[in-house]
């Protein structure tokens, strides 16, 4: 992916201590980013700050997108201090209740219905919210943007830009491999999103900000919080 045009990094040097369960990582102490516009935080090196935290306005919505296995659920559970709507959590809940021999493909429609119901309830309830998004169903993000606009809120995007090999490794690590057909759909959706970001140099339509992270950048984050302005 070609380097995307990025806006100026905005740093806030007053970062709360890491939450319990969010392990300390190598990152500049006290570096927090308040995302604005499109910010590409991959390839951090000399002179580039790798933030330890992302700060968003209170009551806004955050969409975490990327390939299956890229680390979205891990990042959200580890660092987000707000309600989560994660299809992976719904899948795990169903898997815990159903026989282990039952293929996921059999109950996948139920997982999706339950996920979208939870998503709708959470959005209508208001308040800060983080949403898992594989990107293969773009109208979900578009619906979130419309709902947020009606409520006077904004949507932000975090894109975990993992390679196909890294994502496959992540799937094997969690013991849940995605079919070749489904993974191809996700890869194409991610490719379109990356191309759109690179072509426009701005967040997707309706998004107030977009942050692009590689896996190292995601590991460096200690918290993602929603704060009053």
C-alpha atoms as a PDB file:
ATOM      1  CA  UNK A   1       0.000   0.000   0.000  1.00  0.00           C
ATOM      2  CA  UNK A   2       1.395   3.380  -0.985  1.00  0.00           C
ATOM      3  CA  UNK A   3       2.018   5.861   1.792  1.00  0.00           C
ATOM      4  CA  UNK A   4      -1.141   7.814   2.483  1.00  0.00           C
ATOM      5  CA  UNK A   5      -1.247  11.552   3.088  1.00  0.00           C
ATOM      6  CA  UNK A   6      -1.672  12.117   6.793  1.00  0.00           C
ATOM      7  CA  UNK A   7      -2.749  15.007   8.932  1.00  0.00           C
ATOM      8  CA  UNK A   8      -0.604  16.411  11.735  1.00  0.00           C
ATOM      9  CA  UNK A   9      -0.302  14.107  14.747  1.00  0.00           C
ATOM     10  CA  UNK A  10      -1.907  15.658  17.801  1.00  0.00           C
ATOM     11  CA  UNK A  11      -0.363  14.545  21.079  1.00  0.00           C
ATOM     12  CA  UNK A  12      -1.725  14.879  24.577  1.00  0.00           C
ATOM     13  CA  UNK A  13       0.867  14.337  27.300  1.00  0.00           C
ATOM     14  CA  UNK A  14      -1.586  13.623  30.128  1.00  0.00           C
ATOM     15  CA  UNK A  15      -2.384   9.921  29.881  1.00  0.00           C
ATOM     16  CA  UNK A  16      -3.994   7.961  32.716  1.00  0.00           C
ATOM     17  CA  UNK A  17      -2.213   4.852  33.964  1.00  0.00           C
ATOM     18  CA  UNK A  18      -2.894   1.648  31.991  1.00  0.00           C
ATOM     19  CA  UNK A  19      -6.019  -0.270  32.975  1.00  0.00           C
ATOM     20  CA  UNK A  20      -5.744  -3.592  34.715  1.00  0.00           C
ATOM     21  CA  UNK A  21      -5.394  -6.413  32.218  1.00  0.00           C
ATOM     22  CA  UNK A  22      -3.733  -4.145  29.671  1.00  0.00           C
ATOM     23  CA  UNK A  23      -0.039  -5.074  29.876  1.00  0.00           C
ATOM     24  CA  UNK A  24       2.706  -2.508  29.699  1.00  0.00           C
ATOM     25  CA  UNK A  25       4.358  -2.240  26.301  1.00  0.00           C
ATOM     26  CA  UNK A  26       7.268  -0.403  24.758  1.00  0.00           C
ATOM     27  CA  UNK A  27       5.923   3.014  23.850  1.00  0.00           C
ATOM     28  CA  UNK A  28       6.859   6.604  24.684  1.00  0.00           C
ATOM     29  CA  UNK A  29       5.606   7.274  28.213  1.00  0.00           C
ATOM     30  CA  UNK A  30       2.631   9.586  28.233  1.00  0.00           C
ATOM     31  CA  UNK A  31       2.122   9.728  24.460  1.00  0.00           C
ATOM     32  CA  UNK A  32      -1.570   9.884  23.586  1.00  0.00           C
ATOM     33  CA  UNK A  33      -3.093  10.597  20.211  1.00  0.00           C
ATOM     34  CA  UNK A  34      -6.332  12.467  19.606  1.00  0.00           C
ATOM     35  CA  UNK A  35      -6.979  11.339  16.016  1.00  0.00           C
ATOM     36  CA  UNK A  36      -7.881  13.942  13.420  1.00  0.00           C
ATOM     37  CA  UNK A  37      -8.274  13.274   9.723  1.00  0.00           C
ATOM     38  CA  UNK A  38      -6.280  10.361   8.338  1.00  0.00           C
ATOM     39  CA  UNK A  39      -3.197   9.303  10.289  1.00  0.00           C
ATOM     40  CA  UNK A  40      -0.941   6.485   9.132  1.00  0.00           C
ATOM     41  CA  UNK A  41       1.002   5.171  12.137  1.00  0.00           C
ATOM     42  CA  UNK A  42       2.729   2.272  10.418  1.00  0.00           C
ATOM     43  CA  UNK A  43       6.489   2.085   9.986  1.00  0.00           C
ATOM     44  CA  UNK A  44       7.184   4.050  13.160  1.00  0.00           C
ATOM     45  CA  UNK A  45      10.866   4.967  13.360  1.00  0.00           C
ATOM     46  CA  UNK A  46      13.211   7.742  14.502  1.00  0.00           C
ATOM     47  CA  UNK A  47      11.298  10.977  14.874  1.00  0.00           C
ATOM     48  CA  UNK A  48       7.917   9.258  14.701  1.00  0.00           C
ATOM     49  CA  UNK A  49       5.959   8.779  17.902  1.00  0.00           C
ATOM     50  CA  UNK A  50       4.184   5.473  18.421  1.00  0.00           C
ATOM     51  CA  UNK A  51       1.243   6.403  20.672  1.00  0.00           C
ATOM     52  CA  UNK A  52       0.450   4.466  23.803  1.00  0.00           C
ATOM     53  CA  UNK A  53      -3.179   5.603  23.802  1.00  0.00           C
ATOM     54  CA  UNK A  54      -5.945   6.803  21.511  1.00  0.00           C
ATOM     55  CA  UNK A  55      -8.324   9.409  22.949  1.00  0.00           C
ATOM     56  CA  UNK A  56     -11.743  10.019  21.396  1.00  0.00           C
ATOM     57  CA  UNK A  57     -14.528  12.439  22.338  1.00  0.00           C
ATOM     58  CA  UNK A  58     -17.096  11.138  24.785  1.00  0.00           C
ATOM     59  CA  UNK A  59     -20.174   9.511  23.196  1.00  0.00           C
ATOM     60  CA  UNK A  60     -18.512   8.985  19.796  1.00  0.00           C
ATOM     61  CA  UNK A  61     -18.370   5.610  18.042  1.00  0.00           C
ATOM     62  CA  UNK A  62     -15.204   3.722  17.114  1.00  0.00           C
ATOM     63  CA  UNK A  63     -15.131   1.109  14.343  1.00  0.00           C
ATOM     64  CA  UNK A  64     -12.168  -1.296  14.473  1.00  0.00           C
ATOM     65  CA  UNK A  65     -11.655  -2.875  11.058  1.00  0.00           C
ATOM     66  CA  UNK A  66      -9.249  -5.362   9.502  1.00  0.00           C
ATOM     67  CA  UNK A  67      -8.886  -8.901   8.209  1.00  0.00           C
ATOM     68  CA  UNK A  68     -10.121 -11.829  10.313  1.00  0.00           C
ATOM     69  CA  UNK A  69      -7.188 -12.753  12.540  1.00  0.00           C
ATOM     70  CA  UNK A  70      -5.586  -9.316  12.359  1.00  0.00           C
ATOM     71  CA  UNK A  71      -6.081  -8.751  16.098  1.00  0.00           C
ATOM     72  CA  UNK A  72      -9.230  -6.622  16.282  1.00  0.00           C
ATOM     73  CA  UNK A  73     -10.897  -8.515  19.112  1.00  0.00           C
ATOM     74  CA  UNK A  74      -7.638  -8.764  21.056  1.00  0.00           C
ATOM     75  CA  UNK A  75      -7.050  -5.023  20.766  1.00  0.00           C
ATOM     76  CA  UNK A  76     -10.618  -4.145  21.754  1.00  0.00           C
ATOM     77  CA  UNK A  77     -10.736  -6.414  24.789  1.00  0.00           C
ATOM     78  CA  UNK A  78      -7.294  -5.371  25.949  1.00  0.00           C
ATOM     79  CA  UNK A  79      -7.502  -1.615  25.650  1.00  0.00           C
ATOM     80  CA  UNK A  80     -11.000  -0.221  25.019  1.00  0.00           C
ATOM     81  CA  UNK A  81     -12.607   1.297  28.114  1.00  0.00           C
ATOM     82  CA  UNK A  82     -16.124   1.467  26.669  1.00  0.00           C
ATOM     83  CA  UNK A  83     -18.925  -0.949  25.743  1.00  0.00           C
ATOM     84  CA  UNK A  84     -17.953  -3.378  22.969  1.00  0.00           C
ATOM     85  CA  UNK A  85     -20.022  -4.932  20.220  1.00  0.00           C
ATOM     86  CA  UNK A  86     -17.896  -7.765  18.876  1.00  0.00           C
ATOM     87  CA  UNK A  87     -19.204 -10.576  16.661  1.00  0.00           C
ATOM     88  CA  UNK A  88     -16.362 -12.763  17.948  1.00  0.00           C
ATOM     89  CA  UNK A  89     -17.794 -12.553  21.468  1.00  0.00           C
ATOM     90  CA  UNK A  90     -21.215 -13.604  20.158  1.00  0.00           C
ATOM     91  CA  UNK A  91     -19.652 -16.540  18.315  1.00  0.00           C
ATOM     92  CA  UNK A  92     -17.851 -17.663  21.461  1.00  0.00           C
ATOM     93  CA  UNK A  93     -21.075 -17.471  23.463  1.00  0.00           C
ATOM     94  CA  UNK A  94     -22.903 -19.696  20.969  1.00  0.00           C
ATOM     95  CA  UNK A  95     -19.970 -22.116  20.737  1.00  0.00           C
ATOM     96  CA  UNK A  96     -19.967 -22.510  24.532  1.00  0.00           C
ATOM     97  CA  UNK A  97     -23.650 -23.501  24.523  1.00  0.00           C
ATOM     98  CA  UNK A  98     -23.694 -25.772  21.459  1.00  0.00           C
ATOM     99  CA  UNK A  99     -22.066 -29.190  20.899  1.00  0.00           C
ATOM    100  CA  UNK A 100     -18.400 -28.939  19.971  1.00  0.00           C
ATOM    101  CA  UNK A 101     -18.925 -31.136  16.899  1.00  0.00           C
ATOM    102  CA  UNK A 102     -21.430 -28.695  15.365  1.00  0.00           C
ATOM    103  CA  UNK A 103     -19.765 -26.736  12.509  1.00  0.00           C
ATOM    104  CA  UNK A 104     -19.801 -22.956  12.836  1.00  0.00           C
ATOM    105  CA  UNK A 105     -21.351 -22.672   9.361  1.00  0.00           C
ATOM    106  CA  UNK A 106     -24.544 -24.217  10.762  1.00  0.00           C
ATOM    107  CA  UNK A 107     -25.150 -21.550  13.394  1.00  0.00           C
ATOM    108  CA  UNK A 108     -23.363 -18.634  11.722  1.00  0.00           C
ATOM    109  CA  UNK A 109     -26.694 -17.007  10.656  1.00  0.00           C
ATOM    110  CA  UNK A 110     -27.812 -16.995  14.304  1.00  0.00           C
ATOM    111  CA  UNK A 111     -24.541 -15.372  15.364  1.00  0.00           C
ATOM    112  CA  UNK A 112     -24.930 -12.645  12.755  1.00  0.00           C
ATOM    113  CA  UNK A 113     -28.535 -11.918  13.701  1.00  0.00           C
ATOM    114  CA  UNK A 114     -27.637 -11.724  17.390  1.00  0.00           C
ATOM    115  CA  UNK A 115     -24.645  -9.496  16.620  1.00  0.00           C
ATOM    116  CA  UNK A 116     -26.658  -7.005  14.573  1.00  0.00           C
ATOM    117  CA  UNK A 117     -29.412  -6.913  17.180  1.00  0.00           C
ATOM    118  CA  UNK A 118     -26.877  -6.098  19.873  1.00  0.00           C
ATOM    119  CA  UNK A 119     -25.299  -3.495  17.643  1.00  0.00           C
ATOM    120  CA  UNK A 120     -28.622  -1.753  17.028  1.00  0.00           C
ATOM    121  CA  UNK A 121     -29.511  -1.739  20.734  1.00  0.00           C
ATOM    122  CA  UNK A 122     -26.096  -0.409  21.701  1.00  0.00           C
ATOM    123  CA  UNK A 123     -26.178   2.408  19.144  1.00  0.00           C
ATOM    124  CA  UNK A 124     -29.694   3.469  20.129  1.00  0.00           C
ATOM    125  CA  UNK A 125     -28.686   3.450  23.806  1.00  0.00           C
ATOM    126  CA  UNK A 126     -26.164   6.227  23.135  1.00  0.00           C
ATOM    127  CA  UNK A 127     -22.821   6.741  24.799  1.00  0.00           C
ATOM    128  CA  UNK A 128     -19.337   5.675  23.678  1.00  0.00           C
ATOM    129  CA  UNK A 129     -19.132   2.437  21.743  1.00  0.00           C
ATOM    130  CA  UNK A 130     -16.482   0.312  20.008  1.00  0.00           C
ATOM    131  CA  UNK A 131     -17.592  -1.946  17.157  1.00  0.00           C
ATOM    132  CA  UNK A 132     -15.823  -4.918  15.551  1.00  0.00           C
ATOM    133  CA  UNK A 133     -15.888  -4.709  11.744  1.00  0.00           C
ATOM    134  CA  UNK A 134     -14.271  -7.095   9.247  1.00  0.00           C
ATOM    135  CA  UNK A 135     -15.175  -4.687   6.450  1.00  0.00           C
ATOM    136  CA  UNK A 136     -16.772  -7.297   4.197  1.00  0.00           C
ATOM    137  CA  UNK A 137     -20.210  -5.723   4.765  1.00  0.00           C
ATOM    138  CA  UNK A 138     -19.604  -1.995   4.119  1.00  0.00           C
ATOM    139  CA  UNK A 139     -23.251  -1.001   4.542  1.00  0.00           C
ATOM    140  CA  UNK A 140     -22.941  -1.739   8.285  1.00  0.00           C
ATOM    141  CA  UNK A 141     -20.376   1.046   8.633  1.00  0.00           C
ATOM    142  CA  UNK A 142     -22.564   3.288   6.474  1.00  0.00           C
ATOM    143  CA  UNK A 143     -25.537   2.574   8.734  1.00  0.00           C
ATOM    144  CA  UNK A 144     -23.439   3.450  11.793  1.00  0.00           C
ATOM    145  CA  UNK A 145     -22.493   6.770  10.199  1.00  0.00           C
ATOM    146  CA  UNK A 146     -26.137   7.628   9.475  1.00  0.00           C
ATOM    147  CA  UNK A 147     -27.277   6.702  12.975  1.00  0.00           C
ATOM    148  CA  UNK A 148     -24.440   8.642  14.592  1.00  0.00           C
ATOM    149  CA  UNK A 149     -25.250  11.745  12.545  1.00  0.00           C
ATOM    150  CA  UNK A 150     -28.876  11.617  13.677  1.00  0.00           C
ATOM    151  CA  UNK A 151     -27.719  11.438  17.288  1.00  0.00           C
ATOM    152  CA  UNK A 152     -25.201  14.249  16.940  1.00  0.00           C
ATOM    153  CA  UNK A 153     -22.265  11.875  17.317  1.00  0.00           C
ATOM    154  CA  UNK A 154     -19.280  11.045  15.131  1.00  0.00           C
ATOM    155  CA  UNK A 155     -17.740   7.809  13.870  1.00  0.00           C
ATOM    156  CA  UNK A 156     -13.999   7.091  13.971  1.00  0.00           C
ATOM    157  CA  UNK A 157     -12.119   4.272  12.261  1.00  0.00           C
ATOM    158  CA  UNK A 158      -9.096   2.217  13.309  1.00  0.00           C
ATOM    159  CA  UNK A 159      -7.741  -0.023  10.537  1.00  0.00           C
ATOM    160  CA  UNK A 160      -5.409  -2.865  11.514  1.00  0.00           C
ATOM    161  CA  UNK A 161      -3.358  -3.344   8.365  1.00  0.00           C
ATOM    162  CA  UNK A 162      -2.135  -6.934   8.750  1.00  0.00           C
ATOM    163  CA  UNK A 163      -0.920  -8.988   5.816  1.00  0.00           C
ATOM    164  CA  UNK A 164      -2.812 -12.078   4.690  1.00  0.00           C
ATOM    165  CA  UNK A 165      -0.101 -14.261   6.228  1.00  0.00           C
ATOM    166  CA  UNK A 166      -0.299 -12.450   9.573  1.00  0.00           C
ATOM    167  CA  UNK A 167      -4.094 -12.749   9.554  1.00  0.00           C
ATOM    168  CA  UNK A 168      -3.935 -16.471   8.767  1.00  0.00           C
ATOM    169  CA  UNK A 169      -1.467 -16.921  11.643  1.00  0.00           C
ATOM    170  CA  UNK A 170      -3.901 -15.090  13.909  1.00  0.00           C
ATOM    171  CA  UNK A 171      -6.738 -17.379  12.843  1.00  0.00           C
ATOM    172  CA  UNK A 172      -4.662 -20.490  13.526  1.00  0.00           C
ATOM    173  CA  UNK A 173      -3.664 -19.124  16.931  1.00  0.00           C
ATOM    174  CA  UNK A 174      -7.308 -18.793  17.972  1.00  0.00           C
ATOM    175  CA  UNK A 175      -8.280 -22.106  16.316  1.00  0.00           C
ATOM    176  CA  UNK A 176     -10.901 -20.523  14.069  1.00  0.00           C
ATOM    177  CA  UNK A 177      -9.893 -20.515  10.417  1.00  0.00           C
ATOM    178  CA  UNK A 178     -11.988 -18.594   7.891  1.00  0.00           C
ATOM    179  CA  UNK A 179     -12.905 -20.381   4.658  1.00  0.00           C
ATOM    180  CA  UNK A 180     -10.923 -19.494   1.556  1.00  0.00           C
ATOM    181  CA  UNK A 181     -14.038 -17.951  -0.043  1.00  0.00           C
ATOM    182  CA  UNK A 182     -14.865 -15.779   2.977  1.00  0.00           C
ATOM    183  CA  UNK A 183     -11.258 -14.744   3.454  1.00  0.00           C
ATOM    184  CA  UNK A 184     -11.031 -13.692  -0.199  1.00  0.00           C
ATOM    185  CA  UNK A 185     -14.072 -11.452   0.322  1.00  0.00           C
ATOM    186  CA  UNK A 186     -12.489  -9.884   3.396  1.00  0.00           C
ATOM    187  CA  UNK A 187      -9.195  -9.336   1.562  1.00  0.00           C
ATOM    188  CA  UNK A 188     -10.966  -7.600  -1.310  1.00  0.00           C
ATOM    189  CA  UNK A 189     -12.918  -5.364   1.084  1.00  0.00           C
ATOM    190  CA  UNK A 190      -9.704  -4.453   2.926  1.00  0.00           C
ATOM    191  CA  UNK A 191      -7.952  -3.748  -0.373  1.00  0.00           C
ATOM    192  CA  UNK A 192     -10.741  -1.388  -1.449  1.00  0.00           C
ATOM    193  CA  UNK A 193     -10.590   0.443   1.874  1.00  0.00           C
ATOM    194  CA  UNK A 194      -6.801   0.839   1.738  1.00  0.00           C
ATOM    195  CA  UNK A 195      -7.002   2.056  -1.850  1.00  0.00           C
ATOM    196  CA  UNK A 196      -9.686   4.591  -0.923  1.00  0.00           C
ATOM    197  CA  UNK A 197      -7.594   5.918   1.947  1.00  0.00           C
ATOM    198  CA  UNK A 198      -4.483   6.150  -0.200  1.00  0.00           C
ATOM    199  CA  UNK A 199      -6.367   7.820  -3.036  1.00  0.00           C
ATOM    200  CA  UNK A 200      -8.189  10.476  -1.020  1.00  0.00           C
ATOM    201  CA  UNK A 201      -5.764  11.099   1.844  1.00  0.00           C
ATOM    202  CA  UNK A 202      -8.778  11.449   4.133  1.00  0.00           C
ATOM    203  CA  UNK A 203     -11.016   9.197   6.262  1.00  0.00           C
ATOM    204  CA  UNK A 204     -13.882   7.277   4.623  1.00  0.00           C
ATOM    205  CA  UNK A 205     -17.039   9.269   3.979  1.00  0.00           C
ATOM    206  CA  UNK A 206     -18.794  10.097   7.232  1.00  0.00           C
ATOM    207  CA  UNK A 207     -15.843   9.238   9.482  1.00  0.00           C
ATOM    208  CA  UNK A 208     -14.320  12.008  11.578  1.00  0.00           C
ATOM    209  CA  UNK A 209     -10.939  10.279  11.722  1.00  0.00           C
ATOM    210  CA  UNK A 210      -9.088   7.183  10.575  1.00  0.00           C
ATOM    211  CA  UNK A 211      -5.972   5.659  12.127  1.00  0.00           C
ATOM    212  CA  UNK A 212      -3.979   3.007  10.242  1.00  0.00           C
ATOM    213  CA  UNK A 213      -1.948   0.666  12.466  1.00  0.00           C
ATOM    214  CA  UNK A 214       0.335  -2.252  11.761  1.00  0.00           C
ATOM    215  CA  UNK A 215       0.466  -5.103  14.267  1.00  0.00           C
ATOM    216  CA  UNK A 216       3.421  -3.560  16.106  1.00  0.00           C
ATOM    217  CA  UNK A 217       1.485  -0.308  16.503  1.00  0.00           C
ATOM    218  CA  UNK A 218      -1.522  -2.195  17.819  1.00  0.00           C
ATOM    219  CA  UNK A 219       0.651  -3.996  20.391  1.00  0.00           C
ATOM    220  CA  UNK A 220       2.083  -0.668  21.526  1.00  0.00           C
ATOM    221  CA  UNK A 221      -1.346   0.685  22.477  1.00  0.00           C
ATOM    222  CA  UNK A 222      -2.174   0.486  26.167  1.00  0.00           C
ATOM    223  CA  UNK A 223      -5.618   2.081  26.112  1.00  0.00           C
ATOM    224  CA  UNK A 224      -8.365   3.456  23.906  1.00  0.00           C
ATOM    225  CA  UNK A 225     -10.603   5.788  25.871  1.00  0.00           C
ATOM    226  CA  UNK A 226     -13.488   8.183  25.309  1.00  0.00           C
ATOM    227  CA  UNK A 227     -13.062  11.478  27.174  1.00  0.00           C
ATOM    228  CA  UNK A 228     -15.163  14.587  27.629  1.00  0.00           C
ATOM    229  CA  UNK A 229     -13.894  17.478  25.523  1.00  0.00           C
END
